[in-house]
Structure formats: structure tokens, C-alpha cells
Amino acid sequence: MANAESHVKSGRRIMIVAGEASGDIYGADLAREALKLAPDLQFFGIGGSRMREAGVSTLVDSSDMAVVGLIEVIKHFDVIAAAFRKLKQILLNDPPDLLILIDYPGFNLRLAKVAKKAGVTVLYYISPQIWAWRQGRVKKIARLVDHMAVILPFEAPFYEGAGVPVTFVGHPMLDLVTVTLNQAAAAVSFDLDPSREIVGLFPGSRHNEIERLLPEIIAAAVILKEKFPGIQFILPLASTLKNDDIVPLLTAAGLEVTITRERIHDMIRACDAVVSVSGTVTLEIALVGTPMVIIYKLSPLTYQLAKRLVKVPNIGLCNIVAGETVVRELIQDQANPSTIADEIAKLLSDQAYHATIVHKLGEIRSKLGLGGASARVAHLALSLCGHPESPLP
């Protein structure tokens, strides 16, 4: 991987930090749009394979950073701390023209403090969910962040009320979710039989999610196989994971599952229903229009802390955007094989229930803006770092 010294000094240098798989996707799209406007830009920082493909030099791979929960962060502290020290040194000794932070608040707000000390302008893209919990952090953001680029419509007034410069750019997922195939054609494209039930298994992109939730998902799939003998399963493997993270558990359960890394939206379209961990992917599934059940489980200590702090009734992003519980959420002890299997069985067998959810999922798109989010953020980034080719759209 490239190092900071390899960047051409004549172009604007932008440090960009995406600590998780979803941030890698958004960061890649942003980098591509910015480089269309200004090919001389030099992007570097933390990201994954998609950001590298888009032209970002990654000093640290985001797959090493993708953990959630207090206990999990403690376990990965050495890796995360080393990454922080590396970026801190660059900010202080060889400051870039702009720092772009994508979600990942525990790490990124600390980095913003360093950037502030170094006099580096900070653009925060994809807001931390402080409107859901620990709302007091907005005061810290007001001190450390020069501009927020938010993707949910209710976030803009929240930051405006705290005096934080903010732009609602729309949700980048609107441009990323593209499906051209109908369900039958999508199924056939993955060598699946569209006349038989197809269920997607979405275990997440973080290693601790795999450890905690994949066994529950697999056990639920085994139960579903007994209820629906012809059922087929398909699983998308995130860029942060390897086959060896998944296959041994599937083999041990004797479960036949199609594993893919490509065309995730066509894969979602192929499914009759999906079991998904909570995260950005629930919004992707919703935009495609496939019913799902959302599961979520943390370590007991992390969960007890979160329960006291969270101020919204839902944890699934698709439900939060909808403003109601469109798809069922199974949290902690509820996220067990029997309950998961029961909900998927209902989605497969109750046509009216299935159709109602599909209809409500279809209403979510209109709440997320008009598309073009990455291009808007790219213009904003160029403007903030003083690039001469930065007319705002």
C-alpha cells in the first residue's frame, strides 16, 4: 500500500477515513466523483478494497477497524490505536488540505480534534447517529467540524439548531441501488430456481457480527429447511470478510448456501425474504423492496449501556427512515433461531403480510432525497479545500 510520502504535492491532498464496509462504499463513490472534477486530487487514509479501486491510497485497511460495541473495541484497541497514531502524525507533521470523516464516530471525532489543532478543515460525511443516542455530542461536533454533509432529512434541522454548518446532500444509496432484472431473472442469474423459495442471509461485515449472529442465522436456516424442503439460501460476503470466516460454519451445519461478492442488489431482488443484521444494508434491502427481518445482538454489557442511552424506538435504518416499524426487529434474546425462522416462514407463506411490507418499503425512497449525493459532497469537499474547480451544484 502507498504511504503518505508518495503523494504528489502539486495537487490538493485529502485524508479520508472510512472505518467500516458501508463507509468504504460511500467513500469510493465520493472519491470517484471528486476525481472527475479534479483529477489532480490526492486521496489517502483508511478504507477498503472499493476505495482503493476508486484511487484512494489506504494506509490502514478498514476491515481491521470494523468492530462495534464497547467490549469489541477494547479487544481491538491495539489495532485501532496504531491506526490513530499513524493518521495523527500525518495531520500534525504533514497536514492535508482537507480531512473527510465518514461515520465511525468514536474514532473520527477524536481525529477531528487533532485536525482542529493542526488547522486542517474537517468535512464530516454520514452523520453519527447522535440524534438516536448521546445527543450531547452535537456540542463537540460544533467545536471540531467545519461542515456536516448529512444524508437523512431530519438531520439537517438537528445540526442547524446546534449552530453547525450543514448540508442535506440526500442519501448516496439512491444512486448505488440499481436493479435491472425482475425477480425470476435475478434468481436465474445466480443459478437459483425461481419456482422455489429463496432466502438471503446477511450476517454483516464485521467479524464480531459473524461470531455473534451467523450461528443464529445458520440455525434458523436449518429450521427453515425442515419447513420448506425446496428452500434455497444465498449469502453476500462483505469485502471485509474472507470465505474462511463463513464456510466452516456452513459446512458444520450441513447447509448448502450460494455465496457471492458481486451484484448484491440483483441478489436482494432474487430473494423472497431476507434475514439481515442491523446496519446500512437494511436500507439497501428496503430500496430494492424485499421484505426482511432485522436481527441485532451485542455483548450483555454493551447492550445494557445502549438501552439506557438510545432515544429512538427502532434500530433498523429502514424503519427509522420510514418513521414506523415496517419490518420486524429481533433484538438480543429475541434474535434466536426459532423466532428468526418463524418470521421468515410468515413472510414466505402469508401473501397479504408479504405484500403489505413490500408496499411500505416502496414509500421509503421518496424520503431520502433526489439522488446525486456523492457528487454534491464532492463539490462541497473541493470548495472547502480551496480547489479552483469547485463550483457548487
Protein backbone atom coordinates (compact mmCIF):
# COMPACT_ATOMS: atom_id res chain seq x y z
CA MET A 1 0.00 0.00 0.00
CA ALA A 2 1.05 3.55 -0.63
CA ASN A 3 2.40 5.77 2.09
CA ALA A 4 1.77 9.42 2.72
CA GLU A 5 5.14 10.48 1.29
CA SER A 6 4.17 9.13 -2.16
CA HIS A 7 1.51 11.81 -2.76
CA VAL A 8 2.21 14.46 -5.35
CA LYS A 9 2.46 17.77 -3.60
CA SER A 10 1.14 19.86 -6.52
CA GLY A 11 -2.44 18.57 -6.14
CA ARG A 12 -4.75 19.06 -3.15
CA ARG A 13 -4.25 16.29 -0.62
CA ILE A 14 -7.36 14.91 1.09
CA MET A 15 -7.25 12.49 4.01
CA ILE A 16 -10.41 10.35 4.07
CA VAL A 17 -11.38 7.94 6.84
CA ALA A 18 -13.98 5.18 6.49
CA GLY A 19 -13.77 2.57 9.22
CA GLU A 20 -16.46 0.15 8.01
CA ALA A 21 -17.71 -1.61 4.87
CA SER A 22 -20.57 0.84 4.23
CA GLY A 23 -18.20 3.78 4.61
CA ASP A 24 -15.86 2.11 2.11
CA ILE A 25 -18.69 2.10 -0.44
CA TYR A 26 -19.63 5.74 0.16
CA GLY A 27 -16.00 6.86 0.30
CA ALA A 28 -15.25 5.17 -3.01
CA ASP A 29 -18.17 6.86 -4.75
CA LEU A 30 -17.21 10.24 -3.29
CA ALA A 31 -13.57 9.84 -4.41
CA ARG A 32 -14.63 8.91 -7.94
CA GLU A 33 -16.91 11.95 -8.21
CA ALA A 34 -14.25 14.29 -6.83
CA LEU A 35 -11.58 12.94 -9.19
CA LYS A 36 -13.90 13.55 -12.14
CA LEU A 37 -13.99 17.21 -11.13
CA ALA A 38 -10.31 17.48 -10.20
CA PRO A 39 -8.03 14.64 -11.39
CA ASP A 40 -5.08 16.18 -9.53
CA LEU A 41 -6.58 15.41 -6.10
CA GLN A 42 -4.62 13.02 -3.90
CA PHE A 43 -6.80 10.85 -1.63
CA PHE A 44 -5.32 8.77 1.19
CA GLY A 45 -6.35 7.42 4.59
CA ILE A 46 -8.40 4.49 5.91
CA GLY A 47 -10.62 2.45 3.61
CA GLY A 48 -11.17 -0.90 1.97
CA SER A 49 -11.00 -2.50 -1.46
CA ARG A 50 -13.62 -0.26 -3.04
CA MET A 51 -11.83 2.92 -2.03
CA ARG A 52 -8.55 1.53 -3.37
CA GLU A 53 -10.25 0.76 -6.68
CA ALA A 54 -11.52 4.36 -6.75
CA GLY A 55 -7.98 5.73 -6.38
CA VAL A 56 -7.58 6.14 -2.61
CA SER A 57 -4.23 5.11 -1.08
CA THR A 58 -5.18 3.25 2.09
CA LEU A 59 -2.65 3.43 4.89
CA VAL A 60 -4.89 1.21 7.04
CA ASP A 61 -7.48 -1.29 5.81
CA SER A 62 -10.99 -0.69 7.12
CA SER A 63 -11.51 -4.44 7.63
CA ASP A 64 -9.12 -4.17 10.59
CA MET A 65 -11.24 -1.41 12.12
CA ALA A 66 -14.79 -2.72 11.66
CA VAL A 67 -15.99 -3.51 15.18
CA VAL A 68 -18.99 -2.34 17.19
CA GLY A 69 -19.64 -2.19 20.93
CA LEU A 70 -17.58 -1.26 23.97
CA ILE A 71 -16.22 -4.74 24.65
CA GLU A 72 -15.39 -5.32 20.99
CA VAL A 73 -13.48 -2.03 20.71
CA ILE A 74 -11.43 -2.93 23.77
CA LYS A 75 -10.46 -6.24 22.16
CA HIS A 76 -9.26 -4.43 19.02
CA PHE A 77 -7.75 -1.47 20.85
CA ASP A 78 -4.14 -2.03 19.74
CA VAL A 79 -5.02 -2.07 16.04
CA ILE A 80 -7.29 0.95 16.29
CA ALA A 81 -4.80 2.89 18.42
CA ALA A 82 -1.98 2.21 15.94
CA ALA A 83 -4.14 3.47 13.08
CA PHE A 84 -4.99 6.61 15.05
CA ARG A 85 -1.33 7.33 15.80
CA LYS A 86 -0.42 6.96 12.14
CA LEU A 87 -3.03 9.45 10.97
CA LYS A 88 -2.35 11.82 13.87
CA GLN A 89 1.31 12.01 12.90
CA ILE A 90 0.40 12.93 9.33
CA LEU A 91 -2.11 15.56 10.42
CA LEU A 92 0.42 17.24 12.70
CA ASN A 93 3.57 16.86 10.60
CA ASP A 94 2.34 16.90 7.01
CA PRO A 95 -1.23 18.22 7.15
CA PRO A 96 -3.54 17.62 4.19
CA ASP A 97 -5.76 20.29 2.66
CA LEU A 98 -8.92 18.60 3.96
CA LEU A 99 -9.98 15.78 6.25
CA ILE A 100 -13.15 13.89 5.27
CA LEU A 101 -14.63 11.72 8.01
CA ILE A 102 -17.27 9.10 7.19
CA ASP A 103 -19.43 7.94 10.13
CA TYR A 104 -17.31 5.83 12.61
CA PRO A 105 -17.69 8.48 15.37
CA GLY A 106 -15.65 7.01 18.23
CA PHE A 107 -12.51 7.16 16.12
CA ASN A 108 -13.35 10.06 13.82
CA LEU A 109 -14.33 12.63 16.43
CA ARG A 110 -11.01 12.07 18.18
CA LEU A 111 -9.25 12.52 14.85
CA ALA A 112 -11.23 15.71 14.22
CA LYS A 113 -9.79 17.11 17.46
CA VAL A 114 -6.26 16.50 16.14
CA ALA A 115 -7.18 18.09 12.83
CA LYS A 116 -8.53 21.15 14.62
CA LYS A 117 -5.22 21.51 16.45
CA ALA A 118 -3.37 21.19 13.15
CA GLY A 119 -5.58 23.76 11.42
CA VAL A 120 -7.00 21.23 8.96
CA THR A 121 -10.55 21.78 7.67
CA VAL A 122 -12.91 18.93 8.60
CA LEU A 123 -15.85 17.74 6.49
CA TYR A 124 -17.98 15.08 8.19
CA TYR A 125 -19.98 12.93 5.75
CA ILE A 126 -22.59 10.46 7.06
CA SER A 127 -23.53 11.82 10.46
CA PRO A 128 -23.00 9.81 13.64
CA GLN A 129 -26.43 8.81 14.92
CA ILE A 130 -26.27 11.29 17.78
CA TRP A 131 -29.95 12.06 17.21
CA ALA A 132 -30.57 8.49 18.40
CA TRP A 133 -28.29 8.46 21.42
CA ARG A 134 -25.84 10.73 23.25
CA GLN A 135 -27.26 13.90 21.72
CA GLY A 136 -24.86 15.96 23.80
CA ARG A 137 -22.11 15.07 21.34
CA VAL A 138 -23.50 17.71 18.97
CA LYS A 139 -21.66 20.31 21.07
CA LYS A 140 -18.38 18.51 20.41
CA ILE A 141 -19.17 18.33 16.70
CA ALA A 142 -19.89 22.07 16.67
CA ARG A 143 -16.39 22.69 18.07
CA LEU A 144 -14.49 20.26 15.86
CA VAL A 145 -16.26 20.01 12.50
CA ASP A 146 -16.30 22.74 9.87
CA HIS A 147 -19.17 21.28 7.85
CA MET A 148 -21.61 18.36 8.11
CA ALA A 149 -22.90 16.63 4.96
CA VAL A 150 -25.96 14.69 6.14
CA ILE A 151 -27.95 12.02 4.32
CA LEU A 152 -31.23 11.88 6.27
CA PRO A 153 -33.65 14.83 6.01
CA PHE A 154 -34.31 15.20 9.73
CA GLU A 155 -30.57 15.52 10.46
CA ALA A 156 -30.21 18.98 8.89
CA PRO A 157 -32.53 20.83 11.31
CA PHE A 158 -30.94 18.95 14.19
CA TYR A 159 -27.49 20.38 13.34
CA GLU A 160 -28.83 23.80 12.37
CA GLY A 161 -30.35 24.06 15.83
CA ALA A 162 -26.90 23.49 17.32
CA GLY A 163 -25.22 26.04 15.08
CA VAL A 164 -23.30 23.51 12.97
CA PRO A 165 -22.86 24.36 9.26
CA VAL A 166 -24.77 21.58 7.47
CA THR A 167 -25.91 20.49 4.02
CA PHE A 168 -28.51 17.81 3.34
CA VAL A 169 -26.99 16.04 0.33
CA GLY A 170 -29.52 13.20 0.03
CA HIS A 171 -28.76 9.53 0.56
CA PRO A 172 -25.93 8.03 -1.56
CA MET A 173 -27.71 4.70 -1.54
CA LEU A 174 -30.25 6.09 -4.02
CA ASP A 175 -27.56 6.12 -6.71
CA LEU A 176 -25.93 2.87 -5.64
CA VAL A 177 -29.05 0.70 -5.55
CA THR A 178 -29.70 -0.22 -9.17
CA VAL A 179 -31.65 -3.29 -10.25
CA THR A 180 -32.50 -4.02 -13.89
CA LEU A 181 -33.71 -7.62 -13.55
CA ASN A 182 -37.06 -8.95 -12.40
CA GLN A 183 -37.08 -11.45 -9.54
CA ALA A 184 -37.11 -14.57 -11.73
CA ALA A 185 -34.28 -13.33 -13.97
CA ALA A 186 -32.25 -12.26 -10.94
CA ALA A 187 -32.65 -15.72 -9.40
CA VAL A 188 -31.56 -17.47 -12.59
CA SER A 189 -28.50 -15.20 -12.83
CA PHE A 190 -27.30 -16.73 -9.56
CA ASP A 191 -28.14 -20.29 -10.67
CA LEU A 192 -31.15 -20.37 -8.36
CA ASP A 193 -34.57 -21.80 -9.18
CA PRO A 194 -37.20 -19.01 -9.13
CA SER A 195 -40.00 -21.53 -8.61
CA ARG A 196 -38.62 -22.41 -5.16
CA GLU A 197 -38.30 -20.18 -2.09
CA ILE A 198 -35.12 -18.07 -1.93
CA VAL A 199 -33.92 -16.50 1.34
CA GLY A 200 -30.98 -14.14 1.68
CA LEU A 201 -28.70 -14.47 4.70
CA PHE A 202 -26.96 -11.18 5.56
CA PRO A 203 -24.62 -11.76 8.52
CA GLY A 204 -22.92 -8.36 8.41
CA SER A 205 -19.46 -7.08 7.58
CA ARG A 206 -17.81 -7.08 11.00
CA HIS A 207 -16.01 -10.09 12.44
CA ASN A 208 -17.78 -9.77 15.79
CA GLU A 209 -21.15 -9.77 14.00
CA ILE A 210 -20.17 -13.02 12.31
CA GLU A 211 -19.15 -14.55 15.62
CA ARG A 212 -22.32 -13.48 17.42
CA LEU A 213 -25.03 -13.68 14.75
CA LEU A 214 -24.03 -16.06 11.97
CA PRO A 215 -24.56 -19.16 14.15
CA GLU A 216 -28.09 -17.91 14.94
CA ILE A 217 -28.77 -17.25 11.24
CA ILE A 218 -27.49 -20.67 10.20
CA ALA A 219 -29.54 -22.43 12.87
CA ALA A 220 -32.62 -20.53 11.67
CA ALA A 221 -31.86 -21.61 8.10
CA VAL A 222 -31.71 -25.24 9.22
CA ILE A 223 -35.18 -24.89 10.77
CA LEU A 224 -36.48 -23.27 7.57
CA LYS A 225 -35.05 -26.14 5.52
CA GLU A 226 -37.22 -28.52 7.51
CA LYS A 227 -40.35 -26.38 6.94
CA PHE A 228 -39.63 -25.66 3.27
CA PRO A 229 -37.64 -28.61 1.83
CA GLY A 230 -37.01 -26.86 -1.50
CA ILE A 231 -35.76 -23.61 0.02
CA GLN A 232 -32.56 -22.03 -1.33
CA PHE A 233 -30.17 -19.73 0.52
CA ILE A 234 -27.81 -17.06 -0.76
CA LEU A 235 -25.29 -15.06 1.27
CA PRO A 236 -23.40 -11.88 0.28
CA LEU A 237 -19.81 -11.84 1.56
CA ALA A 238 -18.66 -8.34 2.54
CA SER A 239 -15.33 -7.00 1.35
CA THR A 240 -14.12 -7.05 4.96
CA LEU A 241 -14.57 -10.85 5.22
CA LYS A 242 -13.00 -13.96 3.75
CA ASN A 243 -14.60 -17.26 2.72
CA ASP A 244 -12.92 -18.92 5.70
CA ASP A 245 -14.93 -16.66 8.03
CA ILE A 246 -18.16 -18.21 6.73
CA VAL A 247 -17.70 -21.59 5.06
CA PRO A 248 -16.64 -23.72 8.08
CA LEU A 249 -19.85 -22.80 9.95
CA LEU A 250 -22.00 -23.61 6.92
CA THR A 251 -20.22 -26.91 6.36
CA ALA A 252 -20.58 -27.90 10.00
CA ALA A 253 -24.35 -27.32 9.77
CA GLY A 254 -24.60 -29.25 6.51
CA LEU A 255 -26.23 -26.21 4.91
CA GLU A 256 -25.93 -25.56 1.19
CA VAL A 257 -25.62 -21.81 0.57
CA THR A 258 -24.69 -19.83 -2.53
CA ILE A 259 -22.01 -17.30 -1.57
CA THR A 260 -21.43 -14.20 -3.70
CA ARG A 261 -19.48 -10.95 -3.54
CA GLU A 262 -20.98 -9.37 -6.63
CA ARG A 263 -24.24 -7.73 -7.70
CA ILE A 264 -25.70 -7.51 -4.21
CA HIS A 265 -28.79 -5.62 -5.37
CA ASP A 266 -29.65 -8.21 -8.01
CA MET A 267 -29.11 -10.79 -5.28
CA ILE A 268 -31.56 -8.98 -2.99
CA ARG A 269 -34.09 -8.82 -5.85
CA ALA A 270 -33.76 -12.60 -6.30
CA CYS A 271 -34.85 -13.22 -2.71
CA ASP A 272 -38.38 -13.74 -1.40
CA ALA A 273 -37.22 -12.68 2.08
CA VAL A 274 -34.00 -11.75 3.88
CA VAL A 275 -32.51 -12.24 7.35
CA SER A 276 -30.29 -9.20 7.95
CA VAL A 277 -28.20 -7.79 10.74
CA SER A 278 -28.94 -4.17 11.56
CA GLY A 279 -27.00 -1.66 9.50
CA THR A 280 -26.91 0.28 6.26
CA VAL A 281 -27.70 -2.89 4.33
CA THR A 282 -31.27 -2.82 5.66
CA LEU A 283 -31.78 0.38 3.67
CA GLU A 284 -30.40 -1.28 0.53
CA ILE A 285 -32.79 -4.19 1.00
CA ALA A 286 -35.66 -1.77 1.57
CA LEU A 287 -34.88 0.21 -1.60
CA VAL A 288 -34.90 -2.99 -3.64
CA GLY A 289 -38.25 -3.80 -1.99
CA THR A 290 -37.56 -7.22 -0.44
CA PRO A 291 -39.20 -7.99 2.93
CA MET A 292 -36.82 -8.84 5.76
CA VAL A 293 -36.35 -9.47 9.44
CA ILE A 294 -33.66 -7.43 11.20
CA ILE A 295 -31.59 -9.01 13.95
CA TYR A 296 -29.30 -7.30 16.42
CA LYS A 297 -27.25 -8.61 19.31
CA LEU A 298 -24.47 -7.05 21.41
CA SER A 299 -22.48 -8.24 24.38
CA PRO A 300 -24.68 -8.04 27.51
CA LEU A 301 -22.72 -5.11 28.97
CA THR A 302 -22.77 -3.10 25.73
CA TYR A 303 -26.49 -3.77 25.32
CA GLN A 304 -27.34 -2.63 28.84
CA LEU A 305 -25.41 0.60 28.27
CA ALA A 306 -27.04 1.18 24.87
CA LYS A 307 -30.54 0.54 26.21
CA ARG A 308 -30.13 3.41 28.65
CA LEU A 309 -28.84 5.81 26.01
CA VAL A 310 -30.82 5.12 22.84
CA LYS A 311 -33.67 7.58 22.28
CA VAL A 312 -35.34 6.16 19.14
CA PRO A 313 -37.88 3.30 19.04
CA ASN A 314 -36.20 1.40 16.18
CA ILE A 315 -32.68 0.17 15.41
CA GLY A 316 -33.17 -0.72 11.74
CA LEU A 317 -32.27 2.16 9.44
CA CYS A 318 -35.12 1.36 7.07
CA ASN A 319 -37.59 1.60 9.98
CA ILE A 320 -36.01 4.82 11.26
CA VAL A 321 -36.38 6.46 7.85
CA ALA A 322 -39.94 5.14 7.49
CA GLY A 323 -40.87 6.52 10.91
CA GLU A 324 -42.52 3.25 11.86
CA THR A 325 -41.77 -0.45 12.32
CA VAL A 326 -42.22 -1.64 8.75
CA VAL A 327 -40.15 -4.81 9.20
CA ARG A 328 -39.78 -6.76 12.42
CA GLU A 329 -36.71 -6.24 14.61
CA LEU A 330 -35.40 -9.05 16.83
CA ILE A 331 -33.03 -7.76 19.50
CA GLN A 332 -30.77 -9.67 21.91
CA ASP A 333 -32.56 -12.80 23.20
CA GLN A 334 -35.28 -12.41 20.57
CA ALA A 335 -32.63 -12.88 17.89
CA ASN A 336 -32.75 -16.66 18.26
CA PRO A 337 -33.09 -19.34 15.55
CA SER A 338 -36.71 -20.23 16.32
CA THR A 339 -38.04 -16.65 16.25
CA ILE A 340 -36.00 -15.73 13.17
CA ALA A 341 -37.28 -18.80 11.34
CA ASP A 342 -40.88 -18.08 12.36
CA GLU A 343 -40.76 -14.56 10.91
CA ILE A 344 -39.19 -15.69 7.63
CA ALA A 345 -41.75 -18.51 7.39
CA LYS A 346 -44.53 -15.94 7.79
CA LEU A 347 -43.03 -13.78 5.04
CA LEU A 348 -42.84 -16.82 2.74
CA SER A 349 -46.31 -18.18 3.42
CA ASP A 350 -48.55 -15.20 4.24
CA GLN A 351 -49.04 -13.36 0.93
CA ALA A 352 -51.01 -10.47 2.43
CA TYR A 353 -48.35 -9.86 5.11
CA HIS A 354 -45.63 -10.01 2.45
CA ALA A 355 -47.48 -7.58 0.15
CA THR A 356 -48.13 -5.05 2.93
CA ILE A 357 -44.44 -4.87 3.78
CA VAL A 358 -43.43 -4.55 0.11
CA HIS A 359 -45.85 -1.61 -0.25
CA LYS A 360 -44.49 0.20 2.83
CA LEU A 361 -40.88 -0.38 1.76
CA GLY A 362 -41.73 1.29 -1.54
CA GLU A 363 -42.58 4.52 0.28
CA ILE A 364 -39.10 4.87 1.84
CA ARG A 365 -37.30 6.02 -1.33
CA SER A 366 -39.24 9.29 -1.55
CA LYS A 367 -37.98 10.31 1.90
CA LEU A 368 -34.28 10.14 1.01
CA GLY A 369 -33.80 12.97 -1.48
CA LEU A 370 -33.30 13.01 -5.23
CA GLY A 371 -30.00 11.18 -5.74
CA GLY A 372 -26.62 12.66 -6.63
CA ALA A 373 -25.36 12.74 -3.02
CA SER A 374 -21.77 11.77 -3.81
CA ALA A 375 -21.47 14.48 -6.47
CA ARG A 376 -22.80 17.10 -4.05
CA VAL A 377 -20.31 16.07 -1.38
CA ALA A 378 -17.50 16.10 -3.95
CA HIS A 379 -18.32 19.72 -4.87
CA LEU A 380 -18.52 20.60 -1.19
CA ALA A 381 -15.14 18.96 -0.50
CA LEU A 382 -13.43 20.84 -3.31
CA SER A 383 -14.91 24.10 -2.12
CA LEU A 384 -13.73 23.51 1.45
CA CYS A 385 -10.17 22.69 0.43
CA GLY A 386 -9.94 25.74 -1.83
CA HIS A 387 -9.71 23.93 -5.14
CA PRO A 388 -10.18 26.37 -8.07
CA GLU A 389 -12.54 23.97 -9.92
CA SER A 390 -15.23 23.79 -7.25
CA PRO A 391 -18.47 25.44 -8.36
CA LEU A 392 -21.25 24.29 -6.08
CA PRO A 393 -24.10 22.46 -7.86
